[in-house]
Amino acid sequence: MDRRILVVAVAALSLLLVTDASEVDQKLGASNNKNETNLMMLRGLIGHISPDDGGSGADRTYFAHHGAETSPDGYYGFIATLDVYGFTLKHGQGTAGAVWIASSGDGAQSSAKTIIIGWNVLPAEYGDSRTHFFTAWTDDGFIKKGCFNTKCPGFQSEKGASIAPGDAIAHVSTPKGDKQKLKLKIVKDVGASGDWLVHLGLNHEPELIGRFPRSLFTGGFADRAAAIRFGGMVTAPVADPAPMGSGYLPAEEGAASISDIQLIGRDGHATPVTGDLPKLESKPDAYAVSPVIDGKFFYGGH
């Protein structure tokens, strides 16, 4: 059940990503009504595919993230560094810190094309409560195409790569102490292959560990992304919520961070994000993000 809800949540987030930037970024920042409309869309999709049982144990999925969606030329990748955390979660709970890249579409679930990369704790998926490196992809909103990690043909590991999707991350951060850093980079190969190249480093500069072949995707996402989002996601029963990030709200000491955020253009040049980005918080009293300052923000809660 947990994994299914998390997949639905990724698909639902993709629907928000693929709407036109002028109707998301600008209006989310300017209109609470528009924000509520988008949140209703997200919850509606989750409810349609994974109905609420009406009881106190019903599962809920929440997001807190920042996003870039305004480049007329699209995006050809990103660089970002995420703190990595660990929790003892129960079957039915899940948490993730991640980056989503997505294509434009018409708003239908089937038009959602996304790659996700980050860390998660998801006992229903792995059979343990350890922190794992994860990826996910879809070309149709997870209707028929796409999966987590290497559950289906998709992500291709580089020979000799030091880590693969689904692998456990041995050392995690202490909220008010030492930090373990997951340094991520995905960049579009605009040359012969056209693949999305995935780089990762645990406490060191990212190195090539694999790729998502261009052939996995149709439409615009085969060539570039229209949106990139950074943040967290949780799923859990209403009566037993899960922590996001480090478990601290952004304003609290010990909150999780995403830093060194850079956006990559067609020429392969990475441009640091220096100003704030639009945000979406589906339950801001429990899970939130701080403003982006010099390419860094804090997020999390509960």
C-alpha atoms as a PDB file:
ATOM      1  CA  MET A   1       0.000   0.000   0.000  1.00  0.00           C
ATOM      2  CA  ASP A   2       2.764   2.455   0.945  1.00  0.00           C
ATOM      3  CA  ARG A   3       4.687   2.033  -2.296  1.00  0.00           C
ATOM      4  CA  ARG A   4       1.510   2.420  -4.366  1.00  0.00           C
ATOM      5  CA  ILE A   5       0.643   5.692  -2.627  1.00  0.00           C
ATOM      6  CA  LEU A   6       4.184   6.974  -3.115  1.00  0.00           C
ATOM      7  CA  VAL A   7       4.008   6.169  -6.827  1.00  0.00           C
ATOM      8  CA  VAL A   8       0.650   7.956  -7.032  1.00  0.00           C
ATOM      9  CA  ALA A   9       2.141  10.920  -5.189  1.00  0.00           C
ATOM     10  CA  VAL A  10       4.979  11.178  -7.707  1.00  0.00           C
ATOM     11  CA  ALA A  11       2.481  11.024 -10.556  1.00  0.00           C
ATOM     12  CA  ALA A  12       0.339  13.666  -8.877  1.00  0.00           C
ATOM     13  CA  LEU A  13       3.304  15.965  -8.399  1.00  0.00           C
ATOM     14  CA  SER A  14       4.128  15.498 -12.053  1.00  0.00           C
ATOM     15  CA  LEU A  15       0.688  16.798 -12.985  1.00  0.00           C
ATOM     16  CA  LEU A  16       1.450  20.017 -11.158  1.00  0.00           C
ATOM     17  CA  LEU A  17       4.849  20.232 -12.810  1.00  0.00           C
ATOM     18  CA  VAL A  18       3.544  19.897 -16.334  1.00  0.00           C
ATOM     19  CA  THR A  19       1.000  22.692 -16.171  1.00  0.00           C
ATOM     20  CA  ASP A  20       2.022  25.938 -17.860  1.00  0.00           C
ATOM     21  CA  ALA A  21       4.546  27.947 -15.842  1.00  0.00           C
ATOM     22  CA  SER A  22       2.473  31.117 -16.077  1.00  0.00           C
ATOM     23  CA  GLU A  23      -0.406  29.308 -14.388  1.00  0.00           C
ATOM     24  CA  VAL A  24       1.715  27.698 -11.695  1.00  0.00           C
ATOM     25  CA  ASP A  25       4.714  29.721 -10.629  1.00  0.00           C
ATOM     26  CA  GLN A  26       3.196  33.182 -10.962  1.00  0.00           C
ATOM     27  CA  LYS A  27      -0.249  32.367  -9.657  1.00  0.00           C
ATOM     28  CA  LEU A  28       0.912  30.100  -6.849  1.00  0.00           C
ATOM     29  CA  GLY A  29       2.841  33.039  -5.534  1.00  0.00           C
ATOM     30  CA  ALA A  30       0.015  35.511  -6.042  1.00  0.00           C
ATOM     31  CA  SER A  31      -3.174  33.604  -5.327  1.00  0.00           C
ATOM     32  CA  ASN A  32      -4.153  31.374  -2.438  1.00  0.00           C
ATOM     33  CA  ASN A  33      -7.181  30.278  -4.468  1.00  0.00           C
ATOM     34  CA  LYS A  34      -4.969  29.001  -7.255  1.00  0.00           C
ATOM     35  CA  ASN A  35      -2.794  27.221  -4.717  1.00  0.00           C
ATOM     36  CA  GLU A  36      -5.848  25.494  -3.278  1.00  0.00           C
ATOM     37  CA  THR A  37      -7.002  24.503  -6.772  1.00  0.00           C
ATOM     38  CA  ASN A  38      -3.698  22.803  -7.504  1.00  0.00           C
ATOM     39  CA  LEU A  39      -3.691  21.054  -4.131  1.00  0.00           C
ATOM     40  CA  MET A  40      -7.225  19.801  -4.771  1.00  0.00           C
ATOM     41  CA  MET A  41      -6.024  18.431  -8.109  1.00  0.00           C
ATOM     42  CA  LEU A  42      -3.182  16.574  -6.390  1.00  0.00           C
ATOM     43  CA  ARG A  43      -5.414  15.138  -3.675  1.00  0.00           C
ATOM     44  CA  GLY A  44      -8.094  14.288  -6.163  1.00  0.00           C
ATOM     45  CA  LEU A  45      -5.749  12.144  -8.237  1.00  0.00           C
ATOM     46  CA  ILE A  46      -4.462  10.366  -5.139  1.00  0.00           C
ATOM     47  CA  GLY A  47      -8.039   9.779  -4.004  1.00  0.00           C
ATOM     48  CA  HIS A  48      -9.076   8.482  -7.426  1.00  0.00           C
ATOM     49  CA  ILE A  49      -6.342   5.853  -7.641  1.00  0.00           C
ATOM     50  CA  SER A  50      -5.951   5.097  -3.930  1.00  0.00           C
ATOM     51  CA  PRO A  51      -9.313   5.889  -2.271  1.00  0.00           C
ATOM     52  CA  ASP A  52      -9.505   7.102   1.308  1.00  0.00           C
ATOM     53  CA  ASP A  53     -11.009   4.359   3.466  1.00  0.00           C
ATOM     54  CA  GLY A  54     -12.671   6.989   5.629  1.00  0.00           C
ATOM     55  CA  GLY A  55     -11.098   5.687   8.811  1.00  0.00           C
ATOM     56  CA  SER A  56      -8.483   7.052  11.164  1.00  0.00           C
ATOM     57  CA  GLY A  57      -5.838   4.937   9.455  1.00  0.00           C
ATOM     58  CA  ALA A  58      -6.322   6.478   6.010  1.00  0.00           C
ATOM     59  CA  ASP A  59      -3.038   7.315   4.297  1.00  0.00           C
ATOM     60  CA  ARG A  60      -2.083  10.864   3.346  1.00  0.00           C
ATOM     61  CA  THR A  61       0.701  12.209   1.149  1.00  0.00           C
ATOM     62  CA  TYR A  62       2.212  15.667   1.611  1.00  0.00           C
ATOM     63  CA  PHE A  63       4.773  17.751  -0.290  1.00  0.00           C
ATOM     64  CA  ALA A  64       6.982  20.741   0.484  1.00  0.00           C
ATOM     65  CA  HIS A  65       9.182  21.926  -2.366  1.00  0.00           C
ATOM     66  CA  HIS A  66      10.543  24.746  -4.511  1.00  0.00           C
ATOM     67  CA  GLY A  67      10.518  24.702  -8.296  1.00  0.00           C
ATOM     68  CA  ALA A  68      11.932  26.292 -11.445  1.00  0.00           C
ATOM     69  CA  GLU A  69       9.569  26.331 -14.430  1.00  0.00           C
ATOM     70  CA  THR A  70      10.047  29.628 -16.234  1.00  0.00           C
ATOM     71  CA  SER A  71      12.911  29.133 -18.708  1.00  0.00           C
ATOM     72  CA  PRO A  72      11.575  29.485 -22.277  1.00  0.00           C
ATOM     73  CA  ASP A  73      14.350  27.160 -23.484  1.00  0.00           C
ATOM     74  CA  GLY A  74      13.668  24.488 -20.872  1.00  0.00           C
ATOM     75  CA  TYR A  75      16.210  22.846 -18.599  1.00  0.00           C
ATOM     76  CA  TYR A  76      18.940  20.365 -19.452  1.00  0.00           C
ATOM     77  CA  GLY A  77      19.741  19.273 -15.921  1.00  0.00           C
ATOM     78  CA  PHE A  78      20.575  20.403 -12.417  1.00  0.00           C
ATOM     79  CA  ILE A  79      23.101  20.207  -9.606  1.00  0.00           C
ATOM     80  CA  ALA A  80      22.059  20.050  -5.941  1.00  0.00           C
ATOM     81  CA  THR A  81      23.276  18.779  -2.572  1.00  0.00           C
ATOM     82  CA  LEU A  82      20.874  17.145  -0.102  1.00  0.00           C
ATOM     83  CA  ASP A  83      21.433  16.319   3.548  1.00  0.00           C
ATOM     84  CA  VAL A  84      20.654  12.616   4.105  1.00  0.00           C
ATOM     85  CA  TYR A  85      18.680  11.494   7.162  1.00  0.00           C
ATOM     86  CA  GLY A  86      17.495   8.254   8.699  1.00  0.00           C
ATOM     87  CA  PHE A  87      14.409   7.279  10.683  1.00  0.00           C
ATOM     88  CA  THR A  88      12.863   4.221  12.232  1.00  0.00           C
ATOM     89  CA  LEU A  89       9.586   4.087  10.335  1.00  0.00           C
ATOM     90  CA  LYS A  90       6.749   1.605  10.398  1.00  0.00           C
ATOM     91  CA  HIS A  91       5.178  -0.277   7.540  1.00  0.00           C
ATOM     92  CA  GLY A  92       2.762   2.297   6.127  1.00  0.00           C
ATOM     93  CA  GLN A  93       5.078   5.286   6.555  1.00  0.00           C
ATOM     94  CA  GLY A  94       7.512   6.742   4.019  1.00  0.00           C
ATOM     95  CA  THR A  95       9.672   9.818   3.603  1.00  0.00           C
ATOM     96  CA  ALA A  96      11.882  11.169   0.820  1.00  0.00           C
ATOM     97  CA  GLY A  97      14.174  14.062  -0.016  1.00  0.00           C
ATOM     98  CA  ALA A  98      14.438  14.397  -3.762  1.00  0.00           C
ATOM     99  CA  VAL A  99      14.710  16.335  -7.001  1.00  0.00           C
ATOM    100  CA  TRP A 100      12.084  15.948  -9.733  1.00  0.00           C
ATOM    101  CA  ILE A 101      12.631  16.873 -13.377  1.00  0.00           C
ATOM    102  CA  ALA A 102       9.625  16.821 -15.702  1.00  0.00           C
ATOM    103  CA  SER A 103       8.339  17.683 -19.130  1.00  0.00           C
ATOM    104  CA  SER A 104       5.447  19.870 -20.168  1.00  0.00           C
ATOM    105  CA  GLY A 105       2.110  18.305 -20.999  1.00  0.00           C
ATOM    106  CA  ASP A 106      -1.610  18.904 -21.167  1.00  0.00           C
ATOM    107  CA  GLY A 107      -2.312  18.228 -17.484  1.00  0.00           C
ATOM    108  CA  ALA A 108      -3.587  14.684 -18.008  1.00  0.00           C
ATOM    109  CA  GLN A 109      -1.943  11.990 -15.911  1.00  0.00           C
ATOM    110  CA  SER A 110      -0.801  10.196 -19.061  1.00  0.00           C
ATOM    111  CA  SER A 111       1.221  13.250 -20.131  1.00  0.00           C
ATOM    112  CA  ALA A 112       3.375  13.297 -16.963  1.00  0.00           C
ATOM    113  CA  LYS A 113       6.998  12.480 -17.841  1.00  0.00           C
ATOM    114  CA  THR A 114       9.373  12.566 -14.919  1.00  0.00           C
ATOM    115  CA  ILE A 115      12.703  11.471 -13.475  1.00  0.00           C
ATOM    116  CA  ILE A 116      13.130  11.550  -9.691  1.00  0.00           C
ATOM    117  CA  ILE A 117      16.339  11.079  -7.731  1.00  0.00           C
ATOM    118  CA  GLY A 118      17.188  11.336  -4.042  1.00  0.00           C
ATOM    119  CA  TRP A 119      17.037   9.412  -0.775  1.00  0.00           C
ATOM    120  CA  ASN A 120      14.112   7.727   0.912  1.00  0.00           C
ATOM    121  CA  VAL A 121      13.037   5.542   3.826  1.00  0.00           C
ATOM    122  CA  LEU A 122      10.203   3.245   2.777  1.00  0.00           C
ATOM    123  CA  PRO A 123       9.798  -0.009   4.726  1.00  0.00           C
ATOM    124  CA  ALA A 124       7.056  -1.361   2.442  1.00  0.00           C
ATOM    125  CA  GLU A 125       9.394  -1.115  -0.559  1.00  0.00           C
ATOM    126  CA  TYR A 126      12.656  -2.336   0.947  1.00  0.00           C
ATOM    127  CA  GLY A 127      11.595  -4.479   3.887  1.00  0.00           C
ATOM    128  CA  ASP A 128      13.658  -2.344   6.259  1.00  0.00           C
ATOM    129  CA  SER A 129      13.792   1.146   7.758  1.00  0.00           C
ATOM    130  CA  ARG A 130      17.194   2.062   6.368  1.00  0.00           C
ATOM    131  CA  THR A 131      17.857   5.085   4.167  1.00  0.00           C
ATOM    132  CA  HIS A 132      18.224   4.226   0.483  1.00  0.00           C
ATOM    133  CA  PHE A 133      19.357   6.005  -2.662  1.00  0.00           C
ATOM    134  CA  PHE A 134      16.435   5.881  -5.066  1.00  0.00           C
ATOM    135  CA  THR A 135      15.384   6.817  -8.548  1.00  0.00           C
ATOM    136  CA  ALA A 136      12.070   6.666 -10.367  1.00  0.00           C
ATOM    137  CA  TRP A 137      10.905   7.448 -13.870  1.00  0.00           C
ATOM    138  CA  THR A 138       7.759   7.473 -15.962  1.00  0.00           C
ATOM    139  CA  ASP A 139       6.705   8.425 -19.467  1.00  0.00           C
ATOM    140  CA  ASP A 140       2.960   8.299 -18.790  1.00  0.00           C
ATOM    141  CA  GLY A 141       2.274   9.209 -15.160  1.00  0.00           C
ATOM    142  CA  PHE A 142       2.984   5.625 -14.027  1.00  0.00           C
ATOM    143  CA  ILE A 143      -0.006   4.238 -15.899  1.00  0.00           C
ATOM    144  CA  LYS A 144       1.967   1.657 -17.875  1.00  0.00           C
ATOM    145  CA  LYS A 145       5.511   2.962 -18.137  1.00  0.00           C
ATOM    146  CA  GLY A 146       7.971   3.552 -15.332  1.00  0.00           C
ATOM    147  CA  CYS A 147       9.030   2.244 -11.939  1.00  0.00           C
ATOM    148  CA  PHE A 148      11.153   2.750  -8.850  1.00  0.00           C
ATOM    149  CA  ASN A 149      14.852   1.960  -8.973  1.00  0.00           C
ATOM    150  CA  THR A 150      15.487  -1.003 -11.296  1.00  0.00           C
ATOM    151  CA  LYS A 151      12.121  -2.731 -10.943  1.00  0.00           C
ATOM    152  CA  CYS A 152      11.716  -2.463 -14.706  1.00  0.00           C
ATOM    153  CA  PRO A 153      14.027  -1.740 -17.663  1.00  0.00           C
ATOM    154  CA  GLY A 154      14.933   1.925 -17.432  1.00  0.00           C
ATOM    155  CA  PHE A 155      17.906   3.174 -15.428  1.00  0.00           C
ATOM    156  CA  GLN A 156      21.172   1.774 -16.765  1.00  0.00           C
ATOM    157  CA  SER A 157      24.083   1.614 -14.315  1.00  0.00           C
ATOM    158  CA  GLU A 158      27.586   2.482 -15.425  1.00  0.00           C
ATOM    159  CA  LYS A 159      30.089  -0.360 -15.218  1.00  0.00           C
ATOM    160  CA  GLY A 160      31.939  -0.111 -11.926  1.00  0.00           C
ATOM    161  CA  ALA A 161      29.535   2.454 -10.422  1.00  0.00           C
ATOM    162  CA  SER A 162      29.961   2.797  -6.667  1.00  0.00           C
ATOM    163  CA  ILE A 163      26.207   2.883  -5.966  1.00  0.00           C
ATOM    164  CA  ALA A 164      23.012   1.776  -7.694  1.00  0.00           C
ATOM    165  CA  PRO A 165      19.337   2.695  -7.215  1.00  0.00           C
ATOM    166  CA  GLY A 166      17.921   0.904  -4.200  1.00  0.00           C
ATOM    167  CA  ASP A 167      21.241   0.632  -2.381  1.00  0.00           C
ATOM    168  CA  ALA A 168      21.246   1.479   1.314  1.00  0.00           C
ATOM    169  CA  ILE A 169      23.153   4.559   2.490  1.00  0.00           C
ATOM    170  CA  ALA A 170      25.203   3.475   5.499  1.00  0.00           C
ATOM    171  CA  HIS A 171      25.794   6.818   7.204  1.00  0.00           C
ATOM    172  CA  VAL A 172      23.186   9.527   7.728  1.00  0.00           C
ATOM    173  CA  SER A 173      23.144  13.044   9.145  1.00  0.00           C
ATOM    174  CA  THR A 174      22.581  14.070  12.735  1.00  0.00           C
ATOM    175  CA  PRO A 175      20.087  16.975  12.738  1.00  0.00           C
ATOM    176  CA  LYS A 176      22.173  19.129  15.074  1.00  0.00           C
ATOM    177  CA  GLY A 177      25.516  17.534  14.274  1.00  0.00           C
ATOM    178  CA  ASP A 178      27.545  16.115  11.404  1.00  0.00           C
ATOM    179  CA  LYS A 179      25.944  16.105   7.968  1.00  0.00           C
ATOM    180  CA  GLN A 180      26.141  13.425   5.291  1.00  0.00           C
ATOM    181  CA  LYS A 181      25.789  14.985   1.844  1.00  0.00           C
ATOM    182  CA  LEU A 182      24.222  13.455  -1.244  1.00  0.00           C
ATOM    183  CA  LYS A 183      25.606  15.461  -4.161  1.00  0.00           C
ATOM    184  CA  LEU A 184      23.487  15.043  -7.272  1.00  0.00           C
ATOM    185  CA  LYS A 185      23.795  16.033 -10.898  1.00  0.00           C
ATOM    186  CA  ILE A 186      21.650  15.066 -13.857  1.00  0.00           C
ATOM    187  CA  VAL A 187      22.576  16.495 -17.239  1.00  0.00           C
ATOM    188  CA  LYS A 188      21.180  15.905 -20.726  1.00  0.00           C
ATOM    189  CA  ASP A 189      23.669  14.563 -23.220  1.00  0.00           C
ATOM    190  CA  VAL A 190      22.917  16.782 -26.192  1.00  0.00           C
ATOM    191  CA  GLY A 191      25.314  14.732 -28.285  1.00  0.00           C
ATOM    192  CA  ALA A 192      24.840  11.369 -29.947  1.00  0.00           C
ATOM    193  CA  SER A 193      23.069   9.474 -27.154  1.00  0.00           C
ATOM    194  CA  GLY A 194      20.619  12.120 -25.931  1.00  0.00           C
ATOM    195  CA  ASP A 195      20.471  10.272 -22.608  1.00  0.00           C
ATOM    196  CA  TRP A 196      19.891  11.813 -19.186  1.00  0.00           C
ATOM    197  CA  LEU A 197      23.230  11.212 -17.411  1.00  0.00           C
ATOM    198  CA  VAL A 198      23.057  10.645 -13.650  1.00  0.00           C
ATOM    199  CA  HIS A 199      25.938  11.652 -11.369  1.00  0.00           C
ATOM    200  CA  LEU A 200      26.153  11.102  -7.615  1.00  0.00           C
ATOM    201  CA  GLY A 201      28.658  11.559  -4.822  1.00  0.00           C
ATOM    202  CA  LEU A 202      28.321  10.726  -1.138  1.00  0.00           C
ATOM    203  CA  ASN A 203      30.365  13.421   0.595  1.00  0.00           C
ATOM    204  CA  HIS A 204      32.394  13.961  -2.568  1.00  0.00           C
ATOM    205  CA  GLU A 205      31.949  15.464  -6.003  1.00  0.00           C
ATOM    206  CA  PRO A 206      29.396  13.608  -8.131  1.00  0.00           C
ATOM    207  CA  GLU A 207      30.598  10.982 -10.607  1.00  0.00           C
ATOM    208  CA  LEU A 208      28.724   9.263 -13.427  1.00  0.00           C
ATOM    209  CA  ILE A 209      26.802   6.264 -12.077  1.00  0.00           C
ATOM    210  CA  GLY A 210      24.260   5.640 -14.828  1.00  0.00           C
ATOM    211  CA  ARG A 211      21.743   7.009 -17.293  1.00  0.00           C
ATOM    212  CA  PHE A 212      18.120   7.131 -18.320  1.00  0.00           C
ATOM    213  CA  PRO A 213      18.170   6.435 -22.087  1.00  0.00           C
ATOM    214  CA  ARG A 214      16.494   8.950 -24.357  1.00  0.00           C
ATOM    215  CA  SER A 215      14.459   6.079 -25.827  1.00  0.00           C
ATOM    216  CA  LEU A 216      12.444   5.783 -22.594  1.00  0.00           C
ATOM    217  CA  PHE A 217      10.687   9.068 -23.225  1.00  0.00           C
ATOM    218  CA  THR A 218       8.387  10.568 -25.826  1.00  0.00           C
ATOM    219  CA  GLY A 219       7.533  14.195 -26.548  1.00  0.00           C
ATOM    220  CA  GLY A 220       9.527  17.110 -25.237  1.00  0.00           C
ATOM    221  CA  PHE A 221      11.137  15.238 -22.349  1.00  0.00           C
ATOM    222  CA  ALA A 222      13.191  13.231 -24.826  1.00  0.00           C
ATOM    223  CA  ASP A 223      15.020  16.520 -25.490  1.00  0.00           C
ATOM    224  CA  ARG A 224      14.734  18.708 -22.390  1.00  0.00           C
ATOM    225  CA  ALA A 225      12.811  19.297 -19.171  1.00  0.00           C
ATOM    226  CA  ALA A 226      10.255  22.031 -18.588  1.00  0.00           C
ATOM    227  CA  ALA A 227      10.439  21.987 -14.790  1.00  0.00           C
ATOM    228  CA  ILE A 228      12.749  21.037 -11.938  1.00  0.00           C
ATOM    229  CA  ARG A 229      11.617  20.825  -8.311  1.00  0.00           C
ATOM    230  CA  PHE A 230      13.534  20.327  -5.067  1.00  0.00           C
ATOM    231  CA  GLY A 231      12.136  19.232  -1.710  1.00  0.00           C
ATOM    232  CA  GLY A 232      10.481  16.533   0.333  1.00  0.00           C
ATOM    233  CA  MET A 233       7.517  14.187   0.352  1.00  0.00           C
ATOM    234  CA  VAL A 234       5.959  11.964   3.013  1.00  0.00           C
ATOM    235  CA  THR A 235       3.200   9.388   3.110  1.00  0.00           C
ATOM    236  CA  ALA A 236       1.682   7.865   6.252  1.00  0.00           C
ATOM    237  CA  PRO A 237      -1.581   7.147   8.050  1.00  0.00           C
ATOM    238  CA  VAL A 238      -3.335  10.237   9.402  1.00  0.00           C
ATOM    239  CA  ALA A 239      -2.957   9.018  12.960  1.00  0.00           C
ATOM    240  CA  ASP A 240       0.752   8.244  12.591  1.00  0.00           C
ATOM    241  CA  PRO A 241       2.441  10.942  10.437  1.00  0.00           C
ATOM    242  CA  ALA A 242       5.997  10.580   9.156  1.00  0.00           C
ATOM    243  CA  PRO A 243       8.872  13.079   9.447  1.00  0.00           C
ATOM    244  CA  MET A 244      10.081  15.025   6.400  1.00  0.00           C
ATOM    245  CA  GLY A 245      13.695  16.119   5.955  1.00  0.00           C
ATOM    246  CA  SER A 246      15.296  15.864   9.381  1.00  0.00           C
ATOM    247  CA  GLY A 247      11.954  16.006  11.186  1.00  0.00           C
ATOM    248  CA  TYR A 248      12.372  19.716  12.000  1.00  0.00           C
ATOM    249  CA  LEU A 249      10.533  22.660  10.460  1.00  0.00           C
ATOM    250  CA  PRO A 250      12.675  25.059   8.381  1.00  0.00           C
ATOM    251  CA  ALA A 251      12.865  27.714  11.081  1.00  0.00           C
ATOM    252  CA  GLU A 252      14.096  25.258  13.695  1.00  0.00           C
ATOM    253  CA  GLU A 253      17.694  24.412  14.470  1.00  0.00           C
ATOM    254  CA  GLY A 254      18.554  21.104  12.845  1.00  0.00           C
ATOM    255  CA  ALA A 255      16.303  21.457   9.783  1.00  0.00           C
ATOM    256  CA  ALA A 256      17.312  19.626   6.602  1.00  0.00           C
ATOM    257  CA  SER A 257      18.726  21.608   3.706  1.00  0.00           C
ATOM    258  CA  ILE A 258      19.102  21.469  -0.050  1.00  0.00           C
ATOM    259  CA  SER A 259      22.019  23.590  -1.227  1.00  0.00           C
ATOM    260  CA  ASP A 260      24.314  24.445  -4.140  1.00  0.00           C
ATOM    261  CA  ILE A 261      21.261  24.512  -6.437  1.00  0.00           C
ATOM    262  CA  GLN A 262      22.244  25.091 -10.062  1.00  0.00           C
ATOM    263  CA  LEU A 263      20.263  24.813 -13.302  1.00  0.00           C
ATOM    264  CA  ILE A 264      21.904  23.531 -16.481  1.00  0.00           C
ATOM    265  CA  GLY A 265      21.243  25.028 -19.924  1.00  0.00           C
ATOM    266  CA  ARG A 266      21.520  23.531 -23.395  1.00  0.00           C
ATOM    267  CA  ASP A 267      25.195  24.473 -23.605  1.00  0.00           C
ATOM    268  CA  GLY A 268      25.915  22.402 -20.507  1.00  0.00           C
ATOM    269  CA  HIS A 269      26.651  25.479 -18.408  1.00  0.00           C
ATOM    270  CA  ALA A 270      25.392  25.325 -14.812  1.00  0.00           C
ATOM    271  CA  THR A 271      23.970  28.592 -13.481  1.00  0.00           C
ATOM    272  CA  PRO A 272      23.673  29.013  -9.692  1.00  0.00           C
ATOM    273  CA  VAL A 273      20.226  29.910  -8.358  1.00  0.00           C
ATOM    274  CA  THR A 274      20.678  33.189  -6.503  1.00  0.00           C
ATOM    275  CA  GLY A 275      17.081  34.217  -5.784  1.00  0.00           C
ATOM    276  CA  ASP A 276      13.973  32.632  -4.357  1.00  0.00           C
ATOM    277  CA  LEU A 277      11.860  30.105  -6.286  1.00  0.00           C
ATOM    278  CA  PRO A 278       8.095  29.470  -6.173  1.00  0.00           C
ATOM    279  CA  LYS A 279       7.022  26.967  -3.557  1.00  0.00           C
ATOM    280  CA  LEU A 280       4.264  24.467  -2.872  1.00  0.00           C
ATOM    281  CA  GLU A 281       3.433  23.328   0.662  1.00  0.00           C
ATOM    282  CA  SER A 282       0.461  20.985   0.827  1.00  0.00           C
ATOM    283  CA  LYS A 283       0.263  21.113   4.657  1.00  0.00           C
ATOM    284  CA  PRO A 284       2.341  24.154   5.688  1.00  0.00           C
ATOM    285  CA  ASP A 285       1.536  23.877   9.386  1.00  0.00           C
ATOM    286  CA  ALA A 286       3.303  20.495   9.435  1.00  0.00           C
ATOM    287  CA  TYR A 287       5.736  20.520   6.467  1.00  0.00           C
ATOM    288  CA  ALA A 288       7.276  23.635   4.945  1.00  0.00           C
ATOM    289  CA  VAL A 289      10.168  25.204   3.041  1.00  0.00           C
ATOM    290  CA  SER A 290      12.156  28.360   3.768  1.00  0.00           C
ATOM    291  CA  PRO A 291      12.936  30.927   1.045  1.00  0.00           C
ATOM    292  CA  VAL A 292      15.807  30.062  -1.282  1.00  0.00           C
ATOM    293  CA  ILE A 293      18.823  32.254  -0.479  1.00  0.00           C
ATOM    294  CA  ASP A 294      22.045  31.905  -2.477  1.00  0.00           C
ATOM    295  CA  GLY A 295      20.997  28.517  -3.813  1.00  0.00           C
ATOM    296  CA  LYS A 296      20.055  27.008  -0.440  1.00  0.00           C
ATOM    297  CA  PHE A 297      16.861  26.436   1.525  1.00  0.00           C
ATOM    298  CA  PHE A 298      15.654  24.447   4.506  1.00  0.00           C
ATOM    299  CA  TYR A 299      12.656  22.123   4.497  1.00  0.00           C
ATOM    300  CA  GLY A 300      10.828  19.493   6.489  1.00  0.00           C
ATOM    301  CA  GLY A 301       8.672  19.117   9.525  1.00  0.00           C
ATOM    302  CA  HIS A 302       6.651  17.106  11.953  1.00  0.00           C
END
